[in-house]
C-alpha atoms as a PDB file:
ATOM      1  CA  UNK A   1    -118.392 184.709-171.789  1.00  0.00           C
ATOM      2  CA  UNK A   2    -118.382 183.136-175.253  1.00  0.00           C
ATOM      3  CA  UNK A   3    -116.950 185.377-177.919  1.00  0.00           C
ATOM      4  CA  UNK A   4    -118.695 185.429-181.290  1.00  0.00           C
ATOM      5  CA  UNK A   5    -115.384 184.983-183.116  1.00  0.00           C
ATOM      6  CA  UNK A   6    -114.694 181.801-181.149  1.00  0.00           C
ATOM      7  CA  UNK A   7    -118.086 180.364-182.077  1.00  0.00           C
ATOM      8  CA  UNK A   8    -117.716 181.249-185.769  1.00  0.00           C
ATOM      9  CA  UNK A   9    -114.192 179.821-185.875  1.00  0.00           C
ATOM     10  CA  UNK A  10    -115.415 176.626-184.172  1.00  0.00           C
ATOM     11  CA  UNK A  11    -118.246 176.280-186.707  1.00  0.00           C
ATOM     12  CA  UNK A  12    -115.767 176.686-189.570  1.00  0.00           C
ATOM     13  CA  UNK A  13    -113.523 173.979-188.091  1.00  0.00           C
ATOM     14  CA  UNK A  14    -116.508 171.701-187.423  1.00  0.00           C
ATOM     15  CA  UNK A  15    -117.720 172.130-191.004  1.00  0.00           C
ATOM     16  CA  UNK A  16    -114.248 171.332-192.382  1.00  0.00           C
ATOM     17  CA  UNK A  17    -113.935 168.181-190.239  1.00  0.00           C
ATOM     18  CA  UNK A  18    -117.344 166.960-191.422  1.00  0.00           C
ATOM     19  CA  UNK A  19    -116.679 167.711-195.098  1.00  0.00           C
ATOM     20  CA  UNK A  20    -113.259 166.046-194.915  1.00  0.00           C
ATOM     21  CA  UNK A  21    -114.713 162.984-193.143  1.00  0.00           C
ATOM     22  CA  UNK A  22    -112.233 163.383-190.262  1.00  0.00           C
ATOM     23  CA  UNK A  23    -114.533 163.764-187.250  1.00  0.00           C
ATOM     24  CA  UNK A  24    -114.115 160.379-185.608  1.00  0.00           C
ATOM     25  CA  UNK A  25    -116.387 159.749-182.634  1.00  0.00           C
ATOM     26  CA  UNK A  26    -118.271 162.516-180.808  1.00  0.00           C
ATOM     27  CA  UNK A  27    -115.624 162.461-178.088  1.00  0.00           C
ATOM     28  CA  UNK A  28    -112.810 162.802-180.641  1.00  0.00           C
ATOM     29  CA  UNK A  29    -114.575 165.582-182.523  1.00  0.00           C
ATOM     30  CA  UNK A  30    -115.322 167.504-179.337  1.00  0.00           C
ATOM     31  CA  UNK A  31    -111.662 167.176-178.277  1.00  0.00           C
ATOM     32  CA  UNK A  32    -110.544 168.407-181.706  1.00  0.00           C
ATOM     33  CA  UNK A  33    -112.823 171.448-181.341  1.00  0.00           C
ATOM     34  CA  UNK A  34    -111.807 172.081-177.726  1.00  0.00           C
ATOM     35  CA  UNK A  35    -115.318 171.703-176.328  1.00  0.00           C
ATOM     36  CA  UNK A  36    -117.281 169.255-174.218  1.00  0.00           C
ATOM     37  CA  UNK A  37    -119.133 166.436-175.968  1.00  0.00           C
ATOM     38  CA  UNK A  38    -122.449 167.883-174.733  1.00  0.00           C
ATOM     39  CA  UNK A  39    -121.583 171.232-176.364  1.00  0.00           C
ATOM     40  CA  UNK A  40    -120.965 169.453-179.650  1.00  0.00           C
ATOM     41  CA  UNK A  41    -124.479 168.023-179.552  1.00  0.00           C
ATOM     42  CA  UNK A  42    -125.821 171.490-178.672  1.00  0.00           C
ATOM     43  CA  UNK A  43    -124.197 172.783-181.878  1.00  0.00           C
ATOM     44  CA  UNK A  44    -125.779 169.923-183.811  1.00  0.00           C
ATOM     45  CA  UNK A  45    -129.191 170.884-182.390  1.00  0.00           C
ATOM     46  CA  UNK A  46    -128.651 174.545-183.333  1.00  0.00           C
ATOM     47  CA  UNK A  47    -127.811 173.491-186.884  1.00  0.00           C
ATOM     48  CA  UNK A  48    -130.842 171.215-186.968  1.00  0.00           C
ATOM     49  CA  UNK A  49    -132.974 174.281-186.173  1.00  0.00           C
ATOM     50  CA  UNK A  50    -131.553 175.789-189.395  1.00  0.00           C
ATOM     51  CA  UNK A  51    -132.531 172.653-191.323  1.00  0.00           C
ATOM     52  CA  UNK A  52    -129.054 171.117-191.284  1.00  0.00           C
ATOM     53  CA  UNK A  53    -129.005 167.571-189.950  1.00  0.00           C
ATOM     54  CA  UNK A  54    -125.829 165.756-189.009  1.00  0.00           C
ATOM     55  CA  UNK A  55    -125.685 162.001-188.512  1.00  0.00           C
ATOM     56  CA  UNK A  56    -122.978 159.552-187.509  1.00  0.00           C
ATOM     57  CA  UNK A  57    -121.839 156.975-190.076  1.00  0.00           C
ATOM     58  CA  UNK A  58    -120.469 153.917-188.270  1.00  0.00           C
ATOM     59  CA  UNK A  59    -118.854 152.544-191.438  1.00  0.00           C
ATOM     60  CA  UNK A  60    -116.681 155.625-191.933  1.00  0.00           C
ATOM     61  CA  UNK A  61    -116.449 156.452-188.193  1.00  0.00           C
ATOM     62  CA  UNK A  62    -117.391 160.054-188.937  1.00  0.00           C
ATOM     63  CA  UNK A  63    -120.229 162.527-188.727  1.00  0.00           C
ATOM     64  CA  UNK A  64    -121.705 163.677-192.019  1.00  0.00           C
ATOM     65  CA  UNK A  65    -124.363 166.012-193.318  1.00  0.00           C
ATOM     66  CA  UNK A  66    -127.636 164.163-193.732  1.00  0.00           C
ATOM     67  CA  UNK A  67    -129.996 165.045-196.555  1.00  0.00           C
ATOM     68  CA  UNK A  68    -129.719 167.928-199.002  1.00  0.00           C
ATOM     69  CA  UNK A  69    -128.584 170.631-196.593  1.00  0.00           C
ATOM     70  CA  UNK A  70    -125.124 171.463-195.294  1.00  0.00           C
ATOM     71  CA  UNK A  71    -123.374 174.379-193.667  1.00  0.00           C
ATOM     72  CA  UNK A  72    -121.888 177.204-195.695  1.00  0.00           C
ATOM     73  CA  UNK A  73    -120.058 180.076-194.036  1.00  0.00           C
ATOM     74  CA  UNK A  74    -119.141 183.194-195.973  1.00  0.00           C
ATOM     75  CA  UNK A  75    -117.221 186.200-194.696  1.00  0.00           C
ATOM     76  CA  UNK A  76    -117.719 185.149-191.075  1.00  0.00           C
ATOM     77  CA  UNK A  77    -117.398 188.604-189.596  1.00  0.00           C
ATOM     78  CA  UNK A  78    -117.026 192.176-190.727  1.00  0.00           C
ATOM     79  CA  UNK A  79    -116.528 195.308-188.693  1.00  0.00           C
ATOM     80  CA  UNK A  80    -118.987 197.950-189.800  1.00  0.00           C
ATOM     81  CA  UNK A  81    -119.025 201.654-189.106  1.00  0.00           C
ATOM     82  CA  UNK A  82    -122.163 203.719-189.030  1.00  0.00           C
ATOM     83  CA  UNK A  83    -122.052 206.819-191.224  1.00  0.00           C
ATOM     84  CA  UNK A  84    -124.691 209.524-191.418  1.00  0.00           C
ATOM     85  CA  UNK A  85    -125.649 211.063-194.754  1.00  0.00           C
ATOM     86  CA  UNK A  86    -128.118 213.958-194.374  1.00  0.00           C
ATOM     87  CA  UNK A  87    -131.433 212.193-193.711  1.00  0.00           C
ATOM     88  CA  UNK A  88    -130.213 208.705-194.501  1.00  0.00           C
ATOM     89  CA  UNK A  89    -128.253 206.174-192.452  1.00  0.00           C
ATOM     90  CA  UNK A  90    -125.847 203.888-194.308  1.00  0.00           C
ATOM     91  CA  UNK A  91    -123.561 201.147-193.091  1.00  0.00           C
ATOM     92  CA  UNK A  92    -120.071 200.804-194.453  1.00  0.00           C
ATOM     93  CA  UNK A  93    -117.732 197.830-194.149  1.00  0.00           C
ATOM     94  CA  UNK A  94    -114.364 198.763-192.726  1.00  0.00           C
ATOM     95  CA  UNK A  95    -111.285 196.585-192.542  1.00  0.00           C
ATOM     96  CA  UNK A  96    -109.457 198.436-189.769  1.00  0.00           C
ATOM     97  CA  UNK A  97    -110.058 200.936-187.000  1.00  0.00           C
ATOM     98  CA  UNK A  98    -109.567 204.546-188.073  1.00  0.00           C
ATOM     99  CA  UNK A  99    -110.422 206.254-184.816  1.00  0.00           C
ATOM    100  CA  UNK A 100    -114.170 206.237-185.493  1.00  0.00           C
ATOM    101  CA  UNK A 101    -116.637 204.603-183.152  1.00  0.00           C
ATOM    102  CA  UNK A 102    -117.479 201.118-184.316  1.00  0.00           C
ATOM    103  CA  UNK A 103    -120.932 199.733-183.895  1.00  0.00           C
ATOM    104  CA  UNK A 104    -121.878 196.067-183.469  1.00  0.00           C
ATOM    105  CA  UNK A 105    -119.916 193.787-185.753  1.00  0.00           C
ATOM    106  CA  UNK A 106    -122.224 191.140-187.040  1.00  0.00           C
ATOM    107  CA  UNK A 107    -122.864 190.333-190.652  1.00  0.00           C
ATOM    108  CA  UNK A 108    -122.334 186.664-190.042  1.00  0.00           C
ATOM    109  CA  UNK A 109    -123.144 184.680-193.166  1.00  0.00           C
ATOM    110  CA  UNK A 110    -123.871 181.392-191.470  1.00  0.00           C
ATOM    111  CA  UNK A 111    -126.711 179.453-192.958  1.00  0.00           C
ATOM    112  CA  UNK A 112    -127.920 176.396-194.718  1.00  0.00           C
ATOM    113  CA  UNK A 113    -127.924 175.716-198.405  1.00  0.00           C
ATOM    114  CA  UNK A 114    -129.146 172.934-200.581  1.00  0.00           C
ATOM    115  CA  UNK A 115    -126.118 171.031-201.846  1.00  0.00           C
ATOM    116  CA  UNK A 116    -128.089 169.678-204.831  1.00  0.00           C
ATOM    117  CA  UNK A 117    -128.567 173.110-206.378  1.00  0.00           C
END
């Protein structure tokens, strides 16, 4: 089973390799990320669905963001605890377990942004 933290961490590493121009070939990049080459291209397709295109530059021997969009990841994951207030339900970010029951932990700020803005 794939853990969400593993996927987010892999996306952060992939983004850093691309931005630093250190990806090398697809095989090298996949090895660096600890995944199969086919999984790397699956990630590229998932990003393409978000409007982020990645292309290979033969001159620099590296993958790069194509066009005006690139990946930006903020606060990859937060644990949140559900708290009840009379008739209202609020969600509160929590940095550590305090004995309360924690509910699903996704507030994953993964998305595309226009790098020209």
